[in-house]
Amino acid sequence: MFLKHILIGLIAASILFTGCSKTQKEAAAGKSPKKNVEARGKAESVPSARAFRAAAYTDSSKWTKGINRIEKKQFFIIIGKNDPLPVNRGYKLKFASSGEATVQKVSRVEKPDKSFIFIAVDKDLDPTGDGNPNPIYIKSFQIRPSSFSRENNWKNGVSLKSTGTFVFVLPQSDACPLKIGDRLKFAVSGDAIVKKIARSDGQGPGGKFSNFHVTVDKPLNPDGDGGPNLIEVVFAN
């Protein structure tokens, strides 16, 4: 019952992943490869949910193993039609040859049975060393707690009654980006480990959304750790 009372407030107050909304606006701007990519391309298998590969595609004019030879900071992947984006703007990735890079732009182009995802990072990539089949690991990204507050219950998205619990909001179509055992870095409280995640879906003026209630293994500071402070999610790849 309590969740029903806060759903609309949360969606109005929340801030999504860094760049999520911009990604949706930019998706229409992405350019798909030539028709033979569409004919040959298929959703790529990946080592885990936190790693993926550039598409296994090479042509004579632009692409080598899924890496753009002309715009060297760009690569593309192919995922299932209804699969969520594996990355967004601000994600830090680790390439086999080029090392760590930060995602600058993500565009999605839909096809009848799959999706092309075009990703640009902040450094030039090596088609041989970074392209397919080399894995690309997600190293870290940031989330931001909701700014929702209610006297004696919530402050800046941090629960005042449930120790170590905060809430953030994403579009309902997005997969939960966190797992039990993930390490988070809070602005004031520092490192903490995710112990519990609860998801509740709803719909408000901004559309369909999901509240993610996350509990970590230490108390949190509503002023220093809550919204608009960022929380870094760090992987040990």
Protein backbone atom coordinates (compact mmCIF):
# COMPACT_ATOMS: atom_id res chain seq x y z
CA MET A 1 0.00 0.00 0.00
CA PHE A 2 2.85 2.38 0.85
CA LEU A 3 4.42 1.90 -2.57
CA LYS A 4 1.21 2.96 -4.28
CA HIS A 5 1.31 6.28 -2.45
CA ILE A 6 4.85 7.14 -3.59
CA LEU A 7 4.89 5.89 -7.19
CA ILE A 8 3.84 9.13 -8.87
CA GLY A 9 6.09 11.19 -6.64
CA LEU A 10 9.05 9.00 -7.45
CA ILE A 11 8.66 9.21 -11.21
CA ALA A 12 8.41 12.98 -11.10
CA ALA A 13 11.40 13.33 -8.80
CA SER A 14 13.71 10.70 -10.19
CA ILE A 15 16.69 11.06 -12.48
CA LEU A 16 17.54 8.17 -14.72
CA PHE A 17 20.90 6.69 -15.60
CA THR A 18 23.35 9.21 -16.95
CA GLY A 19 22.26 9.69 -20.60
CA CYS A 20 19.25 7.34 -20.64
CA SER A 21 16.80 9.95 -21.92
CA LYS A 22 19.29 11.32 -24.42
CA THR A 23 19.93 7.83 -25.72
CA GLN A 24 16.25 7.43 -26.53
CA LYS A 25 16.26 10.77 -28.40
CA GLU A 26 19.42 9.89 -30.29
CA ALA A 27 18.32 6.42 -31.34
CA ALA A 28 16.68 7.71 -34.50
CA ALA A 29 19.92 9.35 -35.56
CA GLY A 30 21.93 6.13 -35.77
CA LYS A 31 22.80 4.84 -39.22
CA SER A 32 22.62 1.15 -39.85
CA PRO A 33 25.29 -0.64 -41.88
CA LYS A 34 24.73 -1.54 -45.50
CA LYS A 35 22.05 -4.05 -46.49
CA ASN A 36 24.46 -6.99 -46.40
CA VAL A 37 24.92 -6.37 -42.67
CA GLU A 38 21.20 -6.75 -42.21
CA ALA A 39 21.21 -9.94 -44.24
CA ARG A 40 24.12 -11.52 -42.36
CA GLY A 41 23.74 -9.96 -38.94
CA LYS A 42 22.27 -11.84 -36.00
CA ALA A 43 22.11 -11.33 -32.27
CA GLU A 44 25.52 -12.09 -30.79
CA SER A 45 26.08 -14.40 -27.83
CA VAL A 46 28.06 -12.85 -24.99
CA PRO A 47 30.16 -14.27 -22.14
CA SER A 48 27.88 -12.77 -19.46
CA ALA A 49 25.37 -9.99 -18.85
CA ARG A 50 28.32 -7.70 -17.98
CA ALA A 51 30.30 -8.36 -21.13
CA PHE A 52 29.49 -8.32 -24.82
CA ARG A 53 31.20 -8.31 -28.24
CA ALA A 54 31.23 -6.12 -31.29
CA ALA A 55 29.30 -7.58 -34.20
CA ALA A 56 31.06 -10.22 -36.30
CA TYR A 57 30.94 -8.11 -39.44
CA THR A 58 33.62 -6.92 -41.87
CA ASP A 59 33.24 -5.19 -45.24
CA SER A 60 35.57 -3.54 -47.73
CA SER A 61 34.65 0.07 -47.02
CA LYS A 62 33.91 0.79 -43.35
CA TRP A 63 33.67 -2.06 -40.82
CA THR A 64 36.22 -4.54 -39.47
CA LYS A 65 35.02 -7.04 -36.87
CA GLY A 66 32.27 -4.63 -35.85
CA ILE A 67 34.63 -1.63 -35.42
CA ASN A 68 34.24 1.47 -37.62
CA ARG A 69 37.52 2.01 -39.53
CA ILE A 70 36.57 5.58 -40.51
CA GLU A 71 35.00 6.86 -37.29
CA LYS A 72 37.41 4.91 -35.13
CA LYS A 73 35.65 5.61 -31.85
CA GLN A 74 32.50 3.79 -32.99
CA PHE A 75 31.51 0.13 -32.97
CA PHE A 76 28.22 -1.71 -33.22
CA ILE A 77 26.57 -4.76 -31.72
CA ILE A 78 23.47 -6.74 -32.63
CA ILE A 79 20.97 -7.75 -29.96
CA GLY A 80 17.54 -9.31 -29.84
CA LYS A 81 14.54 -7.23 -30.92
CA ASN A 82 13.20 -6.78 -27.39
CA ASP A 83 16.48 -6.91 -25.48
CA PRO A 84 17.38 -3.91 -23.27
CA LEU A 85 20.45 -1.82 -24.05
CA PRO A 86 23.58 -3.35 -22.51
CA VAL A 87 25.16 0.10 -21.97
CA ASN A 88 24.28 3.79 -21.82
CA ARG A 89 26.15 7.09 -21.92
CA GLY A 90 28.67 7.40 -19.12
CA TYR A 91 29.40 3.67 -18.85
CA LYS A 92 33.08 2.80 -18.54
CA LEU A 93 34.13 -0.13 -20.74
CA LYS A 94 37.33 -2.15 -20.98
CA PHE A 95 38.50 -3.26 -24.43
CA ALA A 96 40.97 -6.08 -25.00
CA SER A 97 43.51 -3.85 -26.78
CA SER A 98 42.57 -0.21 -26.17
CA GLY A 99 41.88 -0.53 -22.46
CA GLU A 100 39.28 1.57 -20.65
CA ALA A 101 37.01 4.02 -22.48
CA THR A 102 33.83 5.91 -21.62
CA VAL A 103 30.63 5.66 -23.67
CA GLN A 104 29.74 9.02 -25.26
CA LYS A 105 26.73 8.11 -27.41
CA VAL A 106 24.37 5.18 -27.92
CA SER A 107 21.93 4.86 -30.83
CA ARG A 108 19.47 2.06 -31.53
CA VAL A 109 18.15 1.10 -34.96
CA GLU A 110 15.32 -1.41 -34.99
CA LYS A 111 14.98 -4.14 -37.60
CA PRO A 112 12.13 -6.66 -37.94
CA ASP A 113 13.86 -9.37 -35.90
CA LYS A 114 16.82 -7.65 -34.20
CA SER A 115 18.31 -4.33 -33.14
CA PHE A 116 21.55 -2.62 -34.22
CA ILE A 117 23.19 -0.74 -31.35
CA PHE A 118 25.80 1.87 -32.34
CA ILE A 119 28.16 2.90 -29.55
CA ALA A 120 30.72 5.73 -29.61
CA VAL A 121 33.44 5.99 -26.95
CA ASP A 122 36.04 8.63 -26.08
CA LYS A 123 39.06 7.00 -27.75
CA ASP A 124 40.03 5.35 -31.01
CA LEU A 125 39.58 1.58 -31.13
CA ASP A 126 41.65 -1.17 -32.69
CA PRO A 127 39.56 -3.35 -35.05
CA THR A 128 41.87 -6.35 -34.69
CA GLY A 129 42.48 -6.14 -30.98
CA ASP A 130 39.08 -4.82 -29.86
CA GLY A 131 36.72 -6.21 -32.48
CA ASN A 132 34.89 -9.52 -32.55
CA PRO A 133 35.40 -12.03 -30.93
CA ASN A 134 37.21 -10.13 -28.16
CA PRO A 135 34.98 -9.45 -25.15
CA ILE A 136 34.18 -5.89 -24.09
CA TYR A 137 33.69 -5.66 -20.33
CA ILE A 138 31.50 -3.21 -18.47
CA LYS A 139 33.69 -1.76 -15.71
CA SER A 140 31.45 0.79 -14.02
CA PHE A 141 28.52 3.17 -14.41
CA GLN A 142 26.57 5.58 -12.23
CA ILE A 143 23.05 5.70 -10.89
CA ARG A 144 21.33 8.44 -8.92
CA PRO A 145 18.83 7.95 -6.12
CA SER A 146 15.42 9.52 -6.45
CA SER A 147 15.07 12.93 -4.81
CA PHE A 148 11.80 11.80 -3.18
CA SER A 149 11.35 12.90 0.42
CA ARG A 150 8.57 12.32 2.95
CA GLU A 151 8.77 13.38 6.57
CA ASN A 152 9.98 10.56 8.87
CA ASN A 153 10.01 8.06 5.97
CA TRP A 154 12.24 9.13 3.06
CA LYS A 155 14.83 11.81 2.44
CA ASN A 156 16.51 12.31 -0.94
CA GLY A 157 15.58 8.77 -1.97
CA VAL A 158 17.07 7.19 1.17
CA SER A 159 14.79 5.36 3.61
CA LEU A 160 14.68 6.78 7.15
CA LYS A 161 13.13 3.58 8.51
CA SER A 162 14.86 0.75 6.65
CA THR A 163 18.62 0.87 7.28
CA GLY A 164 20.77 0.96 4.14
CA THR A 165 17.86 1.23 1.68
CA PHE A 166 17.58 3.70 -1.20
CA VAL A 167 15.41 3.89 -4.31
CA PHE A 168 16.06 4.82 -7.93
CA VAL A 169 13.75 4.83 -10.94
CA LEU A 170 14.10 3.63 -14.53
CA PRO A 171 11.75 3.16 -17.50
CA GLN A 172 9.79 -0.05 -17.12
CA SER A 173 11.37 -1.44 -20.29
CA ASP A 174 14.87 -1.34 -18.75
CA ALA A 175 16.38 -4.36 -17.07
CA CYS A 176 17.59 -4.05 -13.50
CA PRO A 177 21.26 -3.00 -13.77
CA LEU A 178 22.20 -4.32 -10.33
CA LYS A 179 22.69 -7.77 -8.83
CA ILE A 180 23.03 -9.09 -5.31
CA GLY A 181 26.70 -8.79 -4.35
CA ASP A 182 27.50 -5.76 -6.54
CA ARG A 183 29.78 -3.14 -5.01
CA LEU A 184 28.50 0.43 -4.85
CA LYS A 185 30.47 3.57 -4.01
CA PHE A 186 28.45 6.25 -2.22
CA ALA A 187 29.52 9.88 -2.03
CA VAL A 188 29.78 9.90 1.79
CA SER A 189 29.38 6.33 3.04
CA GLY A 190 31.88 4.86 0.60
CA ASP A 191 31.86 1.22 -0.48
CA ALA A 192 28.84 -0.98 0.24
CA ILE A 193 27.58 -4.33 -1.03
CA VAL A 194 24.09 -4.91 -2.46
CA LYS A 195 22.17 -7.32 -0.23
CA LYS A 196 18.61 -7.03 -1.55
CA ILE A 197 16.76 -5.62 -4.58
CA ALA A 198 12.99 -5.18 -4.90
CA ARG A 199 11.25 -3.92 -8.05
CA SER A 200 7.77 -2.42 -8.36
CA ASP A 201 6.23 -1.21 -11.62
CA GLY A 202 3.80 1.63 -12.16
CA GLN A 203 2.60 4.27 -14.58
CA GLY A 204 2.47 8.04 -14.16
CA PRO A 205 2.41 11.22 -16.25
CA GLY A 206 5.88 10.39 -17.58
CA GLY A 207 4.93 6.89 -18.74
CA LYS A 208 5.64 3.41 -17.44
CA PHE A 209 8.40 3.17 -14.85
CA SER A 210 9.96 0.89 -12.26
CA ASN A 211 11.05 1.67 -8.71
CA PHE A 212 14.15 -0.23 -7.60
CA HIS A 213 14.48 -0.46 -3.81
CA VAL A 214 18.07 -1.46 -3.02
CA THR A 215 19.38 -2.45 0.42
CA VAL A 216 23.13 -2.45 1.13
CA ASP A 217 25.19 -3.72 4.03
CA LYS A 218 25.69 -0.41 5.85
CA PRO A 219 23.68 2.65 6.94
CA LEU A 220 23.42 5.50 4.44
CA ASN A 221 23.54 9.26 4.85
CA PRO A 222 20.42 10.83 3.28
CA ASP A 223 22.11 14.20 2.79
CA GLY A 224 25.46 12.92 1.54
CA ASP A 225 24.43 9.71 -0.28
CA GLY A 226 20.90 10.50 -1.50
CA GLY A 227 19.88 12.40 -4.63
CA PRO A 228 21.25 14.29 -6.40
CA ASN A 229 24.53 12.58 -5.41
CA LEU A 230 25.70 9.89 -7.81
CA ILE A 231 26.36 6.27 -6.83
CA GLU A 232 29.06 4.43 -8.77
CA VAL A 233 28.51 0.76 -9.58
CA VAL A 234 31.88 -0.98 -9.89
CA PHE A 235 32.59 -4.41 -11.39
CA ALA A 236 35.76 -6.40 -10.74
CA ASN A 237 36.35 -7.59 -14.33
